[in-house]
Amino acid sequence: MEFGRLGGELSWSGVNSGIIRNRAAEPPTAQGDKKRPAPSGKKDYGFETRAIHAGAQPDPTTGARSTPIYQTTAYVFDDVDHAASLFNLHNFGYIYSRLTNPTVAVLEERVASLEGGRAAVAAASGHAAQFLVFATMLEPGDEFLASRNLYGGSLTQFGLSFKKLGWTCHFVDPQDPENFRRALTPKCKAIFVESLANPGGIVVDIEAIARVAHDAGLPLIVDNTMATPYLCRPIEFGADIVTHSTTKFLGGHGNAMGGIVVESGKFDWTQGGRFPSMTEPEPAYHGLRFYENFGDFAFTTKARAVALRDYGPSMAPMNAFLTITGVETLHVRMERHCGNAQAVAAFLAGDPRVAWVSYAGLDSSPYHGLACKYMRGGAGGAVFTFGVKGGYEAGVKLVESVGLFSHLANIGDTRSLILHPASTTHRQLTDEQRLAAGAGPDVIRLSIGLETAADLIADLDQALGS
């Protein structure tokens, strides 16, 4: 059984999708699809084409064009030898849906293709994806650096819950990349940042931070949830691992939980003996050494075969199906999301009832230059914050006065959403931590949807005046 490849990334399905290839990929084979041979002349497909086709092909049995929902827990083996080869990782294929599922495999290949990665593994949520990364990489007593400008749940996960596992996170101001170099310790194993920070809208200098990480022999992990691969592809700027909460813009409709980890395939895990989980014998697989055996997709293989197997935060096939459907319109939605956000941010920036607006798409933003470098067209994304005059009480009043915006803790929906982080997502943090994370008492976070921009502006206008 051959490895399934698309754009150079690996599928655990054991079936070569053979539909869309990424740059510099070998010719497709269209294995198992007799009626519809795969395109053979063109290998450099565009983002939009890959968003619709990557990782998928018509079902060879029924001819179904849409990816089926494989709502099954387990899969029949050909014989004992076939089963043994799968359990020993000698061949890849479907074993049990905690590890591998055909619907989930399509999503994994598709996102890996869009990010320009080597391989991907999906998880039950964005938090689960982050956990898989560190559970694969770290040993008790290890440390890592992270931007202090992160989603509030990530700050709590890294700063509190990870401590119980013997992992220590040091939070760093990301606005000066050299801060990461200064914060390095001998036990550090990675650097983690968000490409476009939630909720502050800060764009980090990925290339400069990657340089710091690589000088120290460490991988750079970038959460690309807010930007999506349509706006930013961190691997092209030196990121080694990319994570997403697929719950947000990739799914795009607020109806499916999920997360994903994408591996670049470019990091050398043998450096300095820092990563024994990748280079030393794995007892669960008869002493197999993952990096030695799997090379440029070793991290993803270890994350799936050990962390996902043992901790079990698997993505449900139905959620994978909904997310695949969302990804097919990602490019169209992101253009509208960003266009609407630009219009709403410009309105708020000129309103005397507003103290400040943090949106990288505005020329006045201190992050606009970085947005022009890292984000398609200099866009600031669809999520940003602003400060309402009057502080905490004014913020609470605003979120309770809107009509069209939905007051809830999510982003990346087709609908426009509003939140007061200090009273919700960042409530568990200290006042100092909230201010450092860009979630002070006056801060309002908006996730701009796909409605008519003028209607969104009118809703905010009346709420500010109420």
Protein backbone atom coordinates (compact mmCIF):
# COMPACT_ATOMS: atom_id res chain seq x y z
CA MET A 1 0.00 0.00 0.00
CA GLU A 2 1.45 3.35 -1.02
CA PHE A 3 1.46 6.57 0.93
CA GLY A 4 -1.30 8.91 -0.25
CA ARG A 5 0.27 12.18 -1.34
CA LEU A 6 -1.10 15.49 -2.47
CA GLY A 7 1.20 18.46 -2.84
CA GLY A 8 3.86 16.49 -1.01
CA GLU A 9 1.81 15.94 2.12
CA LEU A 10 1.02 12.54 3.54
CA SER A 11 -2.39 10.93 3.96
CA TRP A 12 -2.98 8.05 6.31
CA SER A 13 -5.66 6.79 3.96
CA GLY A 14 -3.18 4.79 1.91
CA VAL A 15 -5.05 5.96 -1.20
CA ASN A 16 -3.45 8.46 -3.56
CA SER A 17 -5.98 11.20 -4.09
CA GLY A 18 -4.30 12.18 -7.33
CA ILE A 19 -6.42 15.26 -7.95
CA ILE A 20 -4.57 18.47 -7.09
CA ARG A 21 -0.86 18.82 -6.63
CA ASN A 22 1.04 21.65 -5.01
CA ARG A 23 4.18 23.31 -6.35
CA ALA A 24 7.07 21.01 -7.30
CA ALA A 25 4.96 17.88 -6.78
CA GLU A 26 5.40 14.74 -8.82
CA PRO A 27 2.75 13.88 -11.48
CA PRO A 28 -0.56 12.59 -10.10
CA THR A 29 -1.56 8.95 -10.50
CA ALA A 30 -5.35 9.01 -9.97
CA GLN A 31 -5.10 5.68 -8.20
CA GLY A 32 -8.51 4.05 -7.79
CA ASP A 33 -10.37 6.55 -10.03
CA LYS A 34 -10.92 4.90 -13.41
CA LYS A 35 -13.77 7.09 -14.60
CA ARG A 36 -12.12 10.45 -13.99
CA PRO A 37 -8.37 10.44 -14.56
CA ALA A 38 -6.63 13.20 -12.67
CA PRO A 39 -5.21 16.25 -14.47
CA SER A 40 -1.77 15.32 -15.71
CA GLY A 41 -0.29 18.39 -17.37
CA LYS A 42 -0.69 21.15 -14.80
CA LYS A 43 0.97 20.77 -11.40
CA ASP A 44 0.93 24.34 -10.11
CA TYR A 45 -2.74 24.77 -9.20
CA GLY A 46 -3.91 28.01 -7.62
CA PHE A 47 -5.11 28.47 -4.06
CA GLU A 48 -8.77 28.60 -5.05
CA THR A 49 -8.56 25.37 -7.03
CA ARG A 50 -6.80 23.54 -4.21
CA ALA A 51 -9.32 24.86 -1.67
CA ILE A 52 -12.01 23.03 -3.62
CA HIS A 53 -10.22 19.90 -4.85
CA ALA A 54 -7.14 19.11 -2.76
CA GLY A 55 -7.22 15.73 -1.05
CA ALA A 56 -10.49 14.62 -2.61
CA GLN A 57 -11.72 12.67 -5.61
CA PRO A 58 -15.08 11.24 -6.70
CA ASP A 59 -15.97 8.23 -4.60
CA PRO A 60 -14.72 5.21 -6.60
CA THR A 61 -17.73 3.06 -5.66
CA THR A 62 -20.67 5.43 -5.96
CA GLY A 63 -19.24 8.30 -7.99
CA ALA A 64 -20.28 10.76 -5.27
CA ARG A 65 -18.62 14.09 -6.02
CA SER A 66 -18.89 15.56 -2.49
CA THR A 67 -16.67 13.95 0.13
CA PRO A 68 -18.76 11.33 1.99
CA ILE A 69 -19.14 11.35 5.75
CA TYR A 70 -17.54 8.09 6.83
CA GLN A 71 -19.46 7.69 10.08
CA THR A 72 -17.70 4.56 11.23
CA THR A 73 -15.52 3.63 14.17
CA ALA A 74 -13.41 0.90 12.57
CA TYR A 75 -12.31 -0.68 9.29
CA VAL A 76 -12.02 -4.30 8.11
CA PHE A 77 -8.49 -5.63 7.57
CA ASP A 78 -7.62 -7.72 4.53
CA ASP A 79 -5.91 -10.33 6.69
CA VAL A 80 -3.69 -10.69 9.76
CA ASP A 81 -0.58 -9.52 7.93
CA HIS A 82 -2.39 -6.42 6.69
CA ALA A 83 -3.53 -5.60 10.23
CA ALA A 84 -0.04 -6.13 11.63
CA SER A 85 1.54 -3.88 9.01
CA LEU A 86 -0.85 -1.06 9.93
CA PHE A 87 -0.35 -1.39 13.67
CA ASN A 88 3.44 -1.51 13.21
CA LEU A 89 3.38 1.62 10.98
CA HIS A 90 4.92 -0.39 8.14
CA ASN A 91 2.03 0.77 5.94
CA PHE A 92 -0.50 3.52 6.38
CA GLY A 93 -4.25 3.02 6.17
CA TYR A 94 -7.40 3.02 8.22
CA ILE A 95 -7.39 1.29 11.59
CA TYR A 96 -9.79 3.02 13.97
CA SER A 97 -11.40 6.44 13.72
CA ARG A 98 -9.58 7.76 16.76
CA LEU A 99 -6.50 7.63 14.53
CA THR A 100 -7.63 7.66 10.91
CA ASN A 101 -10.85 8.39 9.04
CA PRO A 102 -11.36 8.95 5.29
CA THR A 103 -13.39 12.16 5.73
CA VAL A 104 -10.87 13.61 8.17
CA ALA A 105 -8.01 12.58 5.85
CA VAL A 106 -9.41 14.77 3.06
CA LEU A 107 -9.43 17.79 5.37
CA GLU A 108 -5.88 17.04 6.53
CA GLU A 109 -4.56 16.87 2.98
CA ARG A 110 -6.47 19.97 1.94
CA VAL A 111 -5.22 22.21 4.73
CA ALA A 112 -1.66 20.91 4.35
CA SER A 113 -1.84 21.81 0.66
CA LEU A 114 -3.17 25.31 1.35
CA GLU A 115 -0.47 25.95 3.95
CA GLY A 116 2.30 24.55 1.75
CA GLY A 117 3.06 21.91 4.38
CA ARG A 118 4.29 18.33 4.23
CA ALA A 119 1.60 16.65 6.33
CA ALA A 120 -1.21 17.40 8.76
CA VAL A 121 -3.15 15.82 11.60
CA ALA A 122 -6.60 17.00 12.67
CA ALA A 123 -7.92 17.21 16.23
CA ALA A 124 -11.14 17.86 18.09
CA SER A 125 -10.47 21.57 18.65
CA GLY A 126 -7.82 24.23 18.31
CA HIS A 127 -6.81 23.64 21.94
CA ALA A 128 -6.52 19.92 21.22
CA ALA A 129 -4.28 20.69 18.23
CA GLN A 130 -1.98 22.79 20.43
CA PHE A 131 -1.89 20.03 23.02
CA LEU A 132 -0.90 17.46 20.36
CA VAL A 133 2.01 19.68 19.31
CA PHE A 134 3.47 20.00 22.78
CA ALA A 135 2.64 16.45 23.89
CA THR A 136 4.64 15.24 20.88
CA MET A 137 7.57 17.56 21.44
CA LEU A 138 8.06 18.08 25.17
CA GLU A 139 9.27 16.04 28.13
CA PRO A 140 8.51 16.87 31.79
CA GLY A 141 10.69 19.79 32.84
CA ASP A 142 10.86 21.30 29.34
CA GLU A 143 10.09 24.94 28.62
CA PHE A 144 8.96 27.02 25.65
CA LEU A 145 8.43 30.66 24.76
CA ALA A 146 5.13 32.13 23.61
CA SER A 147 3.90 35.53 22.59
CA ARG A 148 2.00 37.23 25.38
CA ASN A 149 -0.50 38.43 22.77
CA LEU A 150 -2.55 35.26 22.37
CA TYR A 151 -6.14 34.13 22.60
CA GLY A 152 -7.08 34.14 26.30
CA GLY A 153 -7.73 30.40 26.35
CA SER A 154 -4.23 29.75 25.03
CA LEU A 155 -2.72 31.95 27.74
CA THR A 156 -4.55 29.88 30.35
CA GLN A 157 -3.68 26.56 28.72
CA PHE A 158 0.01 27.42 28.42
CA GLY A 159 0.39 29.29 31.69
CA LEU A 160 -1.69 27.14 34.05
CA SER A 161 -2.79 23.75 32.73
CA PHE A 162 0.53 22.89 31.11
CA LYS A 163 2.26 23.41 34.45
CA LYS A 164 0.48 20.29 35.73
CA LEU A 165 2.26 18.32 33.01
CA GLY A 166 5.68 19.69 33.94
CA TRP A 167 5.87 22.12 31.00
CA THR A 168 6.73 25.77 31.62
CA CYS A 169 5.81 28.61 29.26
CA HIS A 170 7.57 31.98 29.35
CA PHE A 171 5.47 34.76 27.82
CA VAL A 172 7.23 37.37 25.69
CA ASP A 173 6.28 40.72 24.18
CA PRO A 174 6.36 39.80 20.45
CA GLN A 175 6.62 43.33 19.10
CA ASP A 176 10.41 43.15 19.30
CA PRO A 177 11.59 39.77 17.90
CA GLU A 178 14.81 40.05 19.90
CA ASN A 179 12.75 39.72 23.08
CA PHE A 180 12.49 36.03 22.26
CA ARG A 181 16.26 35.71 22.02
CA ARG A 182 16.66 37.40 25.38
CA ALA A 183 14.08 35.12 27.00
CA LEU A 184 15.62 31.83 25.84
CA THR A 185 16.63 29.33 28.50
CA PRO A 186 18.64 26.09 28.18
CA LYS A 187 15.42 24.08 28.60
CA CYS A 188 13.47 25.90 25.86
CA LYS A 189 12.21 23.62 23.08
CA ALA A 190 10.05 25.90 20.89
CA ILE A 191 8.68 29.37 20.19
CA PHE A 192 4.92 29.87 19.71
CA VAL A 193 3.20 32.94 18.21
CA GLU A 194 -0.02 33.91 16.48
CA SER A 195 0.49 35.34 12.99
CA LEU A 196 -2.37 37.77 13.60
CA ALA A 197 -3.03 38.05 17.32
CA ASN A 198 -6.44 37.48 18.89
CA PRO A 199 -7.87 39.82 20.05
CA GLY A 200 -5.41 42.68 19.59
CA GLY A 201 -4.89 42.46 15.83
CA ILE A 202 -1.10 42.52 16.24
CA VAL A 203 0.87 41.25 13.24
CA VAL A 204 4.11 39.60 14.31
CA ASP A 205 7.34 39.59 12.33
CA ILE A 206 7.32 35.87 11.53
CA GLU A 207 10.54 35.90 9.53
CA ALA A 208 12.54 37.64 12.26
CA ILE A 209 11.16 35.41 15.02
CA ALA A 210 11.86 32.32 12.90
CA ARG A 211 15.46 33.49 12.62
CA VAL A 212 15.72 33.68 16.43
CA ALA A 213 14.20 30.22 16.80
CA HIS A 214 16.43 28.62 14.18
CA ASP A 215 19.58 30.27 15.54
CA ALA A 216 18.78 28.47 18.79
CA GLY A 217 17.95 25.19 17.02
CA LEU A 218 14.26 25.43 17.92
CA PRO A 219 11.10 25.09 15.83
CA LEU A 220 8.77 28.04 15.34
CA ILE A 221 5.09 27.21 15.83
CA VAL A 222 2.59 29.67 14.35
CA ASP A 223 -1.12 29.72 15.07
CA ASN A 224 -2.57 30.92 11.76
CA THR A 225 -6.24 30.79 12.77
CA MET A 226 -7.00 34.48 12.38
CA ALA A 227 -5.15 35.03 9.12
CA THR A 228 -5.91 31.67 7.45
CA PRO A 229 -3.66 30.43 4.63
CA TYR A 230 -5.57 32.69 2.26
CA LEU A 231 -4.04 35.80 3.86
CA CYS A 232 -0.78 34.36 5.24
CA ARG A 233 1.33 31.22 4.74
CA PRO A 234 3.75 31.17 7.70
CA ILE A 235 5.80 28.25 6.37
CA GLU A 236 6.98 30.48 3.52
CA PHE A 237 8.47 32.81 6.16
CA GLY A 238 10.21 30.16 8.25
CA ALA A 239 7.52 28.58 10.42
CA ASP A 240 8.07 24.88 11.10
CA ILE A 241 4.63 23.97 12.44
CA VAL A 242 1.31 25.73 11.81
CA THR A 243 -1.80 25.25 13.92
CA HIS A 244 -5.42 26.25 13.42
CA SER A 245 -8.65 26.24 15.26
CA THR A 246 -10.66 25.05 12.25
CA THR A 247 -13.72 26.05 14.28
CA LYS A 248 -13.08 29.59 13.11
CA PHE A 249 -12.50 30.79 9.53
CA LEU A 250 -11.64 27.45 7.92
CA GLY A 251 -15.05 26.05 8.86
CA GLY A 252 -16.49 29.53 8.67
CA HIS A 253 -20.09 28.93 9.67
CA GLY A 254 -19.97 28.48 13.43
CA ASN A 255 -21.22 24.91 13.24
CA ALA A 256 -18.21 22.58 13.61
CA MET A 257 -15.46 22.26 16.21
CA GLY A 258 -11.97 21.26 15.19
CA GLY A 259 -8.26 21.94 15.06
CA ILE A 260 -5.34 20.96 12.86
CA VAL A 261 -1.54 20.76 12.99
CA VAL A 262 0.47 21.22 9.77
CA GLU A 263 4.13 20.22 9.58
CA SER A 264 6.48 21.97 7.17
CA GLY A 265 8.80 18.97 6.88
CA LYS A 266 11.84 21.26 7.00
CA PHE A 267 12.94 21.13 10.64
CA ASP A 268 15.93 19.01 11.63
CA TRP A 269 14.88 17.25 14.85
CA THR A 270 18.39 15.87 15.49
CA GLN A 271 19.84 19.25 16.51
CA GLY A 272 21.65 19.17 19.84
CA GLY A 273 19.82 16.09 21.09
CA ARG A 274 16.98 18.35 22.25
CA PHE A 275 14.11 16.24 20.95
CA PRO A 276 14.45 12.67 22.19
CA SER A 277 10.78 12.03 21.49
CA MET A 278 11.62 12.37 17.79
CA THR A 279 15.06 10.79 17.69
CA GLU A 280 15.19 8.16 20.44
CA PRO A 281 13.56 4.69 20.37
CA GLU A 282 9.79 4.75 20.99
CA PRO A 283 8.82 1.92 23.38
CA ALA A 284 5.25 1.78 22.06
CA TYR A 285 6.55 0.78 18.61
CA HIS A 286 9.33 -1.70 19.45
CA GLY A 287 12.05 0.95 19.57
CA LEU A 288 11.16 2.68 16.30
CA ARG A 289 12.87 6.08 15.87
CA PHE A 290 10.34 8.41 14.28
CA TYR A 291 12.66 10.93 12.66
CA GLU A 292 14.99 8.25 11.36
CA ASN A 293 12.10 6.25 9.87
CA PHE A 294 9.72 8.97 8.66
CA GLY A 295 11.97 11.94 7.96
CA ASP A 296 10.14 15.02 6.81
CA PHE A 297 6.73 13.85 8.04
CA ALA A 298 8.00 12.35 11.31
CA PHE A 299 6.41 14.96 13.58
CA THR A 300 2.92 14.44 12.18
CA THR A 301 3.33 10.68 12.31
CA LYS A 302 4.41 10.78 15.96
CA ALA A 303 1.59 13.20 16.85
CA ARG A 304 -0.95 10.81 15.36
CA ALA A 305 0.55 7.45 16.30
CA VAL A 306 1.29 8.35 19.92
CA ALA A 307 -0.34 11.58 21.15
CA LEU A 308 -3.63 11.24 19.25
CA ARG A 309 -3.73 7.51 19.94
CA ASP A 310 -3.14 7.86 23.68
CA TYR A 311 -4.95 11.10 24.53
CA GLY A 312 -7.71 10.71 21.96
CA PRO A 313 -8.81 14.24 20.96
CA SER A 314 -9.98 13.12 17.51
CA MET A 315 -11.97 15.18 15.05
CA ALA A 316 -15.45 13.79 14.35
CA PRO A 317 -16.15 12.86 10.70
CA MET A 318 -19.21 15.12 10.62
CA ASN A 319 -17.15 18.08 11.79
CA ALA A 320 -14.52 17.27 9.17
CA PHE A 321 -17.20 17.22 6.48
CA LEU A 322 -18.60 20.59 7.56
CA THR A 323 -15.11 22.07 7.67
CA ILE A 324 -14.24 20.72 4.20
CA THR A 325 -17.38 22.41 2.91
CA GLY A 326 -16.31 25.65 4.59
CA VAL A 327 -12.78 25.53 3.19
CA GLU A 328 -14.19 25.33 -0.35
CA THR A 329 -15.40 28.94 -0.01
CA LEU A 330 -12.56 30.24 2.17
CA HIS A 331 -11.08 32.50 -0.52
CA VAL A 332 -14.44 34.07 -1.34
CA ARG A 333 -15.40 34.56 2.29
CA MET A 334 -12.08 36.05 3.37
CA GLU A 335 -12.26 38.72 0.70
CA ARG A 336 -15.69 39.78 1.94
CA HIS A 337 -14.73 39.44 5.61
CA CYS A 338 -11.72 41.70 5.12
CA GLY A 339 -13.56 44.22 2.94
CA ASN A 340 -16.29 44.60 5.54
CA ALA A 341 -13.76 44.81 8.38
CA GLN A 342 -11.87 47.58 6.58
CA ALA A 343 -15.08 49.59 6.22
CA VAL A 344 -16.17 49.10 9.83
CA ALA A 345 -12.70 49.89 11.19
CA ALA A 346 -12.55 53.09 9.16
CA PHE A 347 -15.94 54.17 10.53
CA LEU A 348 -14.92 53.52 14.12
CA ALA A 349 -11.56 55.25 13.68
CA GLY A 350 -13.39 58.45 12.78
CA ASP A 351 -16.03 58.26 15.52
CA PRO A 352 -15.51 60.57 18.54
CA ARG A 353 -17.16 58.03 20.86
CA VAL A 354 -14.27 55.64 20.17
CA ALA A 355 -10.92 56.09 21.90
CA TRP A 356 -8.80 53.96 19.56
CA VAL A 357 -8.95 51.24 16.90
CA SER A 358 -6.41 48.42 16.48
CA TYR A 359 -6.74 47.15 12.92
CA ALA A 360 -3.66 46.41 10.85
CA GLY A 361 -5.49 47.20 7.62
CA LEU A 362 -5.58 50.91 8.51
CA ASP A 363 -2.67 53.03 7.32
CA SER A 364 -2.47 54.51 10.82
CA SER A 365 -1.82 51.13 12.44
CA PRO A 366 1.72 50.51 13.73
CA TYR A 367 1.34 46.99 12.27
CA HIS A 368 0.31 48.09 8.79
CA GLY A 369 3.83 47.63 7.39
CA LEU A 370 3.98 44.06 8.70
CA ALA A 371 0.50 43.42 7.33
CA CYS A 372 1.68 44.52 3.90
CA LYS A 373 4.58 42.05 4.17
CA TYR A 374 2.78 39.02 5.58
CA MET A 375 -0.91 39.42 4.74
CA ARG A 376 -2.38 39.28 1.26
CA GLY A 377 -2.98 42.83 0.06
CA GLY A 378 -2.02 44.27 3.44
CA ALA A 379 -5.32 43.09 4.91
CA GLY A 380 -5.84 43.22 8.65
CA GLY A 381 -8.11 40.19 8.74
CA ALA A 382 -11.69 40.15 9.95
CA VAL A 383 -11.18 40.36 13.72
CA PHE A 384 -10.04 43.51 15.50
CA THR A 385 -10.44 45.47 18.69
CA PHE A 386 -11.32 49.03 19.59
CA GLY A 387 -11.64 50.97 22.80
CA VAL A 388 -14.94 52.58 23.68
CA LYS A 389 -14.79 55.75 25.72
CA GLY A 390 -16.13 55.15 29.22
CA GLY A 391 -14.16 52.02 30.07
CA TYR A 392 -15.56 48.76 31.41
CA GLU A 393 -19.15 49.91 31.95
CA ALA A 394 -19.33 51.46 28.48
CA GLY A 395 -18.02 48.22 26.97
CA VAL A 396 -20.64 46.15 28.75
CA LYS A 397 -23.39 48.55 27.66
CA LEU A 398 -22.27 48.43 24.04
CA VAL A 399 -22.36 44.63 23.72
CA GLU A 400 -25.81 44.62 25.29
CA SER A 401 -27.12 47.30 22.89
CA VAL A 402 -26.28 45.86 19.47
CA GLY A 403 -29.00 44.23 17.40
CA LEU A 404 -27.38 42.74 14.30
CA PHE A 405 -24.11 41.70 15.96
CA SER A 406 -24.30 38.52 18.06
CA HIS A 407 -22.82 38.72 21.55
CA LEU A 408 -20.90 35.45 21.90
CA ALA A 409 -17.42 33.96 22.34
CA ASN A 410 -16.40 32.92 18.86
CA ILE A 411 -14.82 34.37 15.72
CA GLY A 412 -14.75 33.51 12.04
CA ASP A 413 -18.50 33.09 11.54
CA THR A 414 -20.52 34.24 8.53
CA ARG A 415 -22.39 36.35 11.08
CA SER A 416 -20.81 39.38 12.74
CA LEU A 417 -19.92 38.83 16.38
CA ILE A 418 -19.09 41.11 19.29
CA LEU A 419 -17.42 40.46 22.64
CA HIS A 420 -16.13 42.30 25.68
CA PRO A 421 -12.99 40.17 26.44
CA ALA A 422 -12.41 41.56 29.94
CA SER A 423 -15.73 40.12 31.12
CA THR A 424 -15.56 36.86 29.13
CA THR A 425 -12.59 35.18 27.38
CA HIS A 426 -9.93 36.97 29.45
CA ARG A 427 -11.92 37.09 32.69
CA GLN A 428 -9.68 34.53 34.45
CA LEU A 429 -6.56 36.66 33.91
CA THR A 430 -5.22 39.33 36.23
CA ASP A 431 -5.67 43.00 35.32
CA GLU A 432 -1.99 43.13 34.34
CA GLN A 433 -2.31 40.04 32.13
CA ARG A 434 -5.43 41.41 30.44
CA LEU A 435 -3.71 44.66 29.61
CA ALA A 436 -0.64 42.82 28.28
CA ALA A 437 -2.87 40.62 26.11
CA GLY A 438 -4.71 43.61 24.63
CA ALA A 439 -7.92 42.88 26.55
CA GLY A 440 -8.19 45.88 28.85
CA PRO A 441 -11.47 47.08 30.43
CA ASP A 442 -12.48 49.28 27.48
CA VAL A 443 -11.67 46.75 24.77
CA ILE A 444 -14.35 45.50 22.39
CA ARG A 445 -13.59 42.66 19.98
CA LEU A 446 -15.40 42.43 16.66
CA SER A 447 -15.46 39.50 14.27
CA ILE A 448 -16.83 40.96 11.07
CA GLY A 449 -19.07 38.70 9.03
CA LEU A 450 -20.48 38.69 5.53
CA GLU A 451 -23.47 41.02 5.96
CA THR A 452 -23.88 44.36 4.20
CA ALA A 453 -21.18 46.65 5.63
CA ALA A 454 -23.54 49.61 5.90
CA ASP A 455 -25.90 47.58 8.10
CA LEU A 456 -23.06 46.65 10.45
CA ILE A 457 -21.96 50.27 10.72
CA ALA A 458 -25.54 51.39 11.43
CA ASP A 459 -25.87 48.80 14.21
CA LEU A 460 -22.68 49.95 15.91
CA ASP A 461 -23.68 53.59 15.46
CA GLN A 462 -26.96 53.13 17.30
CA ALA A 463 -25.37 50.99 20.01
CA LEU A 464 -22.68 53.59 20.68
CA GLY A 465 -25.37 56.23 21.00
CA SER A 466 -27.68 54.28 23.27
